[in-house]
N, C-alpha and C. Protein backbone atom coordinates (compact mmCIF):
# COMPACT_ATOMS: atom_id res chain seq x y z
N MET A 1 31.02 34.96 29.50
CA MET A 1 31.48 34.08 28.27
C MET A 1 30.75 32.72 28.22
N LYS A 2 30.06 32.38 29.35
CA LYS A 2 29.41 31.18 29.16
C LYS A 2 27.94 31.58 28.50
N SER A 3 27.35 32.78 28.93
CA SER A 3 26.08 33.13 28.33
C SER A 3 26.28 33.21 26.85
N PHE A 4 27.35 33.80 26.43
CA PHE A 4 27.64 34.10 25.05
C PHE A 4 27.64 32.73 24.22
N ILE A 5 28.23 31.75 24.96
CA ILE A 5 28.53 30.27 24.15
C ILE A 5 27.01 29.82 24.10
N ILE A 6 26.03 29.83 25.20
CA ILE A 6 24.93 29.51 24.88
C ILE A 6 24.01 30.24 23.93
N LEU A 7 24.31 31.73 23.88
CA LEU A 7 23.61 32.43 22.92
C LEU A 7 23.89 31.88 21.27
N CYS A 8 25.31 31.57 21.24
CA CYS A 8 25.64 31.13 19.93
C CYS A 8 25.24 29.71 19.69
N LEU A 9 25.10 28.97 20.67
CA LEU A 9 24.32 27.42 20.37
C LEU A 9 22.90 27.60 19.91
N VAL A 10 22.26 28.40 20.69
CA VAL A 10 20.66 28.76 20.52
C VAL A 10 20.93 29.31 18.92
N THR A 11 21.37 30.33 18.71
CA THR A 11 21.25 30.86 17.25
C THR A 11 21.52 29.62 16.18
N ILE A 12 22.68 28.81 16.32
CA ILE A 12 22.62 27.93 15.63
C ILE A 12 21.69 26.89 15.42
N VAL A 13 21.12 26.50 16.64
CA VAL A 13 20.11 25.41 16.61
C VAL A 13 18.85 25.89 15.78
N VAL A 14 18.70 27.55 16.14
CA VAL A 14 17.35 27.94 15.46
C VAL A 14 17.55 28.11 13.91
N TYR A 15 18.74 28.54 13.59
CA TYR A 15 19.11 28.65 12.01
C TYR A 15 18.99 27.50 11.23
N ALA A 16 19.59 26.35 12.07
CA ALA A 16 19.37 24.95 11.34
C ALA A 16 17.93 24.44 11.24
N GLY A 17 17.01 24.82 12.23
CA GLY A 17 15.58 24.46 12.13
C GLY A 17 15.03 25.21 11.03
N TYR A 18 15.37 26.50 10.91
CA TYR A 18 14.82 27.46 9.82
C TYR A 18 15.18 26.64 8.53
N MET A 19 16.54 26.40 8.22
CA MET A 19 17.15 25.69 7.08
C MET A 19 16.50 24.38 6.83
N GLN A 20 16.13 23.59 7.86
CA GLN A 20 15.48 22.52 7.38
C GLN A 20 14.06 22.59 7.01
N ALA A 21 13.40 23.82 7.34
CA ALA A 21 12.04 24.01 6.99
C ALA A 21 11.78 24.63 5.71
N THR A 22 13.15 25.25 4.90
CA THR A 22 12.94 25.69 3.76
C THR A 22 14.14 25.19 3.00
N VAL A 23 14.07 25.59 1.51
CA VAL A 23 14.97 24.88 0.89
C VAL A 23 15.88 26.21 0.66
N TYR A 24 17.17 25.89 0.81
CA TYR A 24 18.21 27.00 0.77
C TYR A 24 18.47 27.55 -0.65
N GLY A 25 18.43 28.89 -0.76
CA GLY A 25 18.24 29.43 -1.86
C GLY A 25 17.17 29.35 -2.70
N GLN A 26 16.00 28.67 -2.34
CA GLN A 26 15.11 28.47 -3.14
C GLN A 26 13.72 29.11 -2.42
N GLU A 27 12.59 29.26 -3.34
CA GLU A 27 11.07 29.65 -2.45
C GLU A 27 10.97 28.23 -1.63
N LYS A 28 9.94 28.36 -0.76
CA LYS A 28 9.23 27.43 0.02
C LYS A 28 8.74 26.31 -0.93
N LEU A 29 8.84 25.18 -0.48
CA LEU A 29 8.40 24.04 -1.16
C LEU A 29 6.58 24.28 -1.40
N LYS A 30 6.20 23.85 -2.72
CA LYS A 30 4.89 23.94 -3.16
C LYS A 30 4.09 22.85 -2.41
N PHE A 31 4.55 21.57 -2.47
CA PHE A 31 3.96 20.55 -1.99
C PHE A 31 4.20 19.91 -0.72
N ASN A 32 3.39 19.72 0.17
CA ASN A 32 3.60 19.00 1.53
C ASN A 32 4.09 17.64 1.35
N THR A 33 4.53 17.04 2.27
CA THR A 33 4.90 15.57 2.43
C THR A 33 3.80 14.76 1.93
N LYS A 34 2.64 15.06 2.28
CA LYS A 34 1.70 14.06 2.14
C LYS A 34 1.13 14.29 0.59
N GLU A 35 1.17 15.32 -0.17
CA GLU A 35 0.91 15.53 -1.32
C GLU A 35 1.99 14.78 -2.23
N THR A 36 3.43 15.02 -1.74
CA THR A 36 4.40 14.39 -2.56
C THR A 36 4.38 12.92 -2.54
N ARG A 37 3.89 12.13 -1.51
CA ARG A 37 3.82 10.99 -1.32
C ARG A 37 2.62 10.22 -2.14
N GLU A 38 1.51 10.87 -2.03
CA GLU A 38 0.38 10.67 -2.72
C GLU A 38 0.58 10.53 -4.30
N MET A 39 1.40 11.51 -4.83
CA MET A 39 1.56 11.77 -6.10
C MET A 39 2.75 10.57 -6.57
N TRP A 40 3.69 10.29 -5.85
CA TRP A 40 4.67 9.43 -6.15
C TRP A 40 3.98 7.82 -6.14
N TYR A 41 2.91 7.75 -4.90
CA TYR A 41 2.22 6.57 -4.96
C TYR A 41 1.32 6.11 -6.01
N ALA A 42 0.77 7.21 -6.56
CA ALA A 42 -0.21 7.07 -7.68
C ALA A 42 0.61 6.83 -9.02
N CYS A 43 1.67 7.29 -9.02
CA CYS A 43 2.55 7.02 -10.25
C CYS A 43 3.00 5.60 -10.15
N SER A 44 3.42 5.27 -9.08
CA SER A 44 3.78 3.69 -8.83
C SER A 44 2.66 2.81 -9.27
N ARG A 45 1.48 2.92 -8.79
CA ARG A 45 0.16 2.12 -9.00
C ARG A 45 0.14 1.95 -10.51
N GLN A 46 -0.02 3.25 -11.29
CA GLN A 46 -0.42 3.40 -12.49
C GLN A 46 0.75 2.33 -13.23
N PHE A 47 1.94 2.72 -12.88
CA PHE A 47 3.18 1.87 -13.66
C PHE A 47 2.87 0.24 -13.34
N GLN A 48 2.46 -0.03 -12.22
CA GLN A 48 2.03 -1.63 -11.85
C GLN A 48 0.89 -2.10 -12.88
N ALA A 49 0.00 -1.23 -12.87
CA ALA A 49 -1.07 -1.61 -13.56
C ALA A 49 -0.85 -1.73 -15.35
N VAL A 50 -0.33 -0.57 -15.78
CA VAL A 50 -0.07 -0.74 -17.19
C VAL A 50 1.24 -1.27 -17.83
N ALA A 51 2.29 -1.29 -16.89
CA ALA A 51 3.37 -2.32 -17.08
C ALA A 51 4.00 -3.09 -16.12
N PRO A 52 3.20 -3.91 -15.79
CA PRO A 52 3.66 -4.88 -14.63
C PRO A 52 5.12 -5.57 -14.85
N GLN A 53 5.46 -5.81 -16.11
CA GLN A 53 6.83 -6.18 -16.46
C GLN A 53 8.00 -5.42 -16.15
N LEU A 54 7.59 -4.22 -15.69
CA LEU A 54 8.88 -3.09 -15.30
C LEU A 54 9.51 -3.44 -14.27
N HIS A 55 10.53 -3.47 -14.21
CA HIS A 55 11.21 -3.78 -12.90
C HIS A 55 11.11 -2.74 -11.80
N GLU A 56 11.22 -2.93 -10.56
CA GLU A 56 10.72 -1.99 -9.45
C GLU A 56 11.84 -0.95 -9.41
N ILE A 57 12.95 -1.24 -9.70
CA ILE A 57 14.10 -0.16 -9.63
C ILE A 57 13.79 0.93 -10.88
N THR A 58 13.57 0.50 -11.60
CA THR A 58 12.82 1.19 -12.89
C THR A 58 11.70 1.97 -12.51
N ARG A 59 10.71 1.51 -12.19
CA ARG A 59 9.50 2.32 -11.63
C ARG A 59 9.90 3.35 -10.51
N ILE A 60 10.91 2.83 -9.72
CA ILE A 60 11.10 3.76 -8.66
C ILE A 60 11.74 5.26 -9.23
N TYR A 61 12.80 4.77 -10.23
CA TYR A 61 13.27 5.80 -11.10
C TYR A 61 12.40 6.86 -11.81
N LEU A 62 11.60 6.20 -12.51
CA LEU A 62 10.43 6.81 -13.36
C LEU A 62 9.52 7.82 -12.38
N CYS A 63 9.07 7.23 -11.17
CA CYS A 63 8.29 7.86 -10.39
C CYS A 63 8.99 8.95 -9.46
N ASP A 64 10.18 9.09 -9.33
CA ASP A 64 11.09 9.79 -8.83
C ASP A 64 10.99 11.17 -9.67
N CYS A 65 11.46 10.66 -11.00
CA CYS A 65 11.60 11.85 -12.00
C CYS A 65 10.25 12.51 -12.09
N TYR A 66 9.25 11.78 -12.26
CA TYR A 66 7.78 12.29 -12.58
C TYR A 66 7.47 13.36 -11.31
N THR A 67 7.69 12.80 -10.07
CA THR A 67 7.42 13.87 -8.78
C THR A 67 8.26 14.78 -8.81
N ASP A 68 9.44 14.73 -9.18
CA ASP A 68 10.15 15.83 -9.16
C ASP A 68 9.78 16.90 -10.12
N HIS A 69 9.58 16.36 -11.38
CA HIS A 69 9.12 17.27 -12.49
C HIS A 69 7.73 18.15 -12.01
N MET A 70 6.75 17.21 -11.47
CA MET A 70 5.53 17.89 -11.19
C MET A 70 5.56 18.87 -9.98
N ARG A 71 6.64 18.53 -9.18
CA ARG A 71 6.82 19.55 -7.86
C ARG A 71 7.42 20.90 -8.15
N ILE A 72 8.25 20.88 -9.30
CA ILE A 72 9.15 21.92 -9.85
C ILE A 72 8.10 22.75 -10.68
N ASN A 73 7.58 22.14 -11.52
CA ASN A 73 6.58 22.91 -12.71
C ASN A 73 5.34 23.18 -12.50
N TYR A 74 4.56 22.60 -11.54
CA TYR A 74 3.14 22.84 -11.26
C TYR A 74 2.74 23.05 -9.49
N THR A 75 1.61 23.55 -9.33
CA THR A 75 1.28 23.78 -8.03
C THR A 75 0.36 22.74 -7.73
N PRO A 76 0.07 22.24 -6.31
CA PRO A 76 -0.79 21.35 -6.05
C PRO A 76 -2.28 21.65 -6.61
N ASP A 77 -2.71 22.71 -6.79
CA ASP A 77 -3.98 23.00 -7.20
C ASP A 77 -3.90 22.63 -8.67
N GLU A 78 -2.72 23.07 -9.35
CA GLU A 78 -2.74 22.62 -10.83
C GLU A 78 -2.80 21.20 -11.34
N VAL A 79 -2.05 20.46 -10.40
CA VAL A 79 -1.95 19.04 -10.64
C VAL A 79 -3.55 18.59 -10.54
N LYS A 80 -4.25 18.95 -9.36
CA LYS A 80 -5.52 18.42 -9.07
C LYS A 80 -6.48 18.92 -9.98
N ALA A 81 -6.14 19.98 -10.77
CA ALA A 81 -7.17 20.50 -11.72
C ALA A 81 -6.83 19.88 -13.12
N LEU A 82 -6.04 18.92 -13.41
CA LEU A 82 -5.53 18.42 -14.59
C LEU A 82 -6.64 17.47 -15.25
N THR A 83 -7.13 17.71 -16.36
CA THR A 83 -8.27 16.81 -16.99
C THR A 83 -7.64 15.50 -17.31
N LYS A 84 -8.63 14.52 -17.52
CA LYS A 84 -8.05 13.24 -18.30
C LYS A 84 -7.19 13.51 -19.35
N GLU A 85 -7.56 14.43 -20.49
CA GLU A 85 -6.75 14.67 -21.47
C GLU A 85 -5.49 15.20 -21.18
N GLU A 86 -5.43 16.21 -20.40
CA GLU A 86 -4.29 16.94 -20.05
C GLU A 86 -3.30 15.84 -19.49
N SER A 87 -3.87 15.02 -18.83
CA SER A 87 -3.03 14.11 -17.84
C SER A 87 -2.45 12.96 -18.97
N GLN A 88 -3.14 12.72 -19.90
CA GLN A 88 -2.57 11.61 -20.97
C GLN A 88 -1.68 12.67 -21.94
N ILE A 89 -1.81 13.76 -22.16
CA ILE A 89 -0.85 14.73 -22.89
C ILE A 89 0.48 14.70 -22.19
N LEU A 90 0.31 14.80 -20.90
CA LEU A 90 1.60 15.00 -19.93
C LEU A 90 2.20 13.74 -19.72
N GLY A 91 1.54 12.57 -19.78
CA GLY A 91 2.16 11.45 -19.51
C GLY A 91 2.92 10.90 -21.02
N GLN A 92 2.54 11.31 -22.20
CA GLN A 92 3.16 11.26 -23.46
C GLN A 92 4.49 12.21 -23.25
N LYS A 93 4.53 13.29 -22.80
CA LYS A 93 5.51 14.18 -22.82
C LYS A 93 6.78 13.41 -21.68
N PHE A 94 6.27 12.78 -20.85
CA PHE A 94 7.18 12.01 -19.74
C PHE A 94 8.04 11.25 -20.48
N LYS A 95 7.79 10.53 -21.54
CA LYS A 95 8.80 9.62 -22.28
C LYS A 95 9.83 10.44 -22.62
N GLU A 96 9.94 11.87 -22.83
CA GLU A 96 11.01 12.60 -23.36
C GLU A 96 11.67 13.01 -21.82
N ILE A 97 10.90 13.59 -20.96
CA ILE A 97 11.19 14.14 -19.66
C ILE A 97 12.07 13.20 -18.96
N CYS A 98 11.39 12.08 -18.93
CA CYS A 98 11.95 11.01 -17.89
C CYS A 98 12.07 9.69 -18.76
N PRO A 99 13.26 9.71 -19.83
CA PRO A 99 13.32 8.47 -20.45
C PRO A 99 13.65 7.18 -19.57
N LEU A 100 13.43 6.11 -20.18
CA LEU A 100 13.69 4.83 -19.34
C LEU A 100 15.07 4.99 -19.22
N PRO A 101 15.84 4.36 -18.06
CA PRO A 101 17.30 4.25 -18.10
C PRO A 101 17.87 3.16 -18.79
N THR A 102 18.69 3.25 -19.42
CA THR A 102 19.55 2.23 -20.23
C THR A 102 20.67 1.46 -19.07
N PRO A 103 20.59 0.15 -19.47
CA PRO A 103 21.68 -0.35 -18.56
C PRO A 103 23.04 -0.19 -19.06
N GLN A 104 23.77 -0.02 -17.57
CA GLN A 104 25.12 0.43 -17.98
C GLN A 104 25.86 -0.77 -18.64
N PRO A 105 26.93 -0.52 -19.21
CA PRO A 105 27.52 -1.69 -20.02
C PRO A 105 28.61 -1.99 -18.96
N THR A 106 28.76 -3.47 -19.15
CA THR A 106 29.84 -3.98 -18.22
C THR A 106 31.02 -4.71 -18.96
N ILE A 107 32.08 -4.63 -18.33
CA ILE A 107 33.16 -5.08 -19.17
C ILE A 107 33.49 -6.40 -18.48
N ASP A 108 33.36 -7.40 -19.06
CA ASP A 108 33.76 -8.98 -18.77
C ASP A 108 35.35 -8.88 -18.80
N THR A 109 35.97 -9.41 -17.68
CA THR A 109 37.49 -9.54 -17.88
C THR A 109 37.78 -10.85 -17.21
């Protein structure tokens, strides 16, 4: 009985480790953590340069959206192969893909 419980616990731990390494119900992630962070950081720095008046929370939202879109629709090699012109076209499309969040209305009572 004791060995059965140990076997069950080991099985659960191995399965949990496997599930953390893959996305449940989807294929494995295309971008590793470093690539994802680099992409997000590049987005944030670009927004700081071209729109310094943008609130930090808005920049975070936009770069999260951008990074998510790129990770879902492109491979790391495709992102690295984008030309300057392709990047500019994609940047224009992001105005529709990741629109600026509008402030939530408040009710003063």
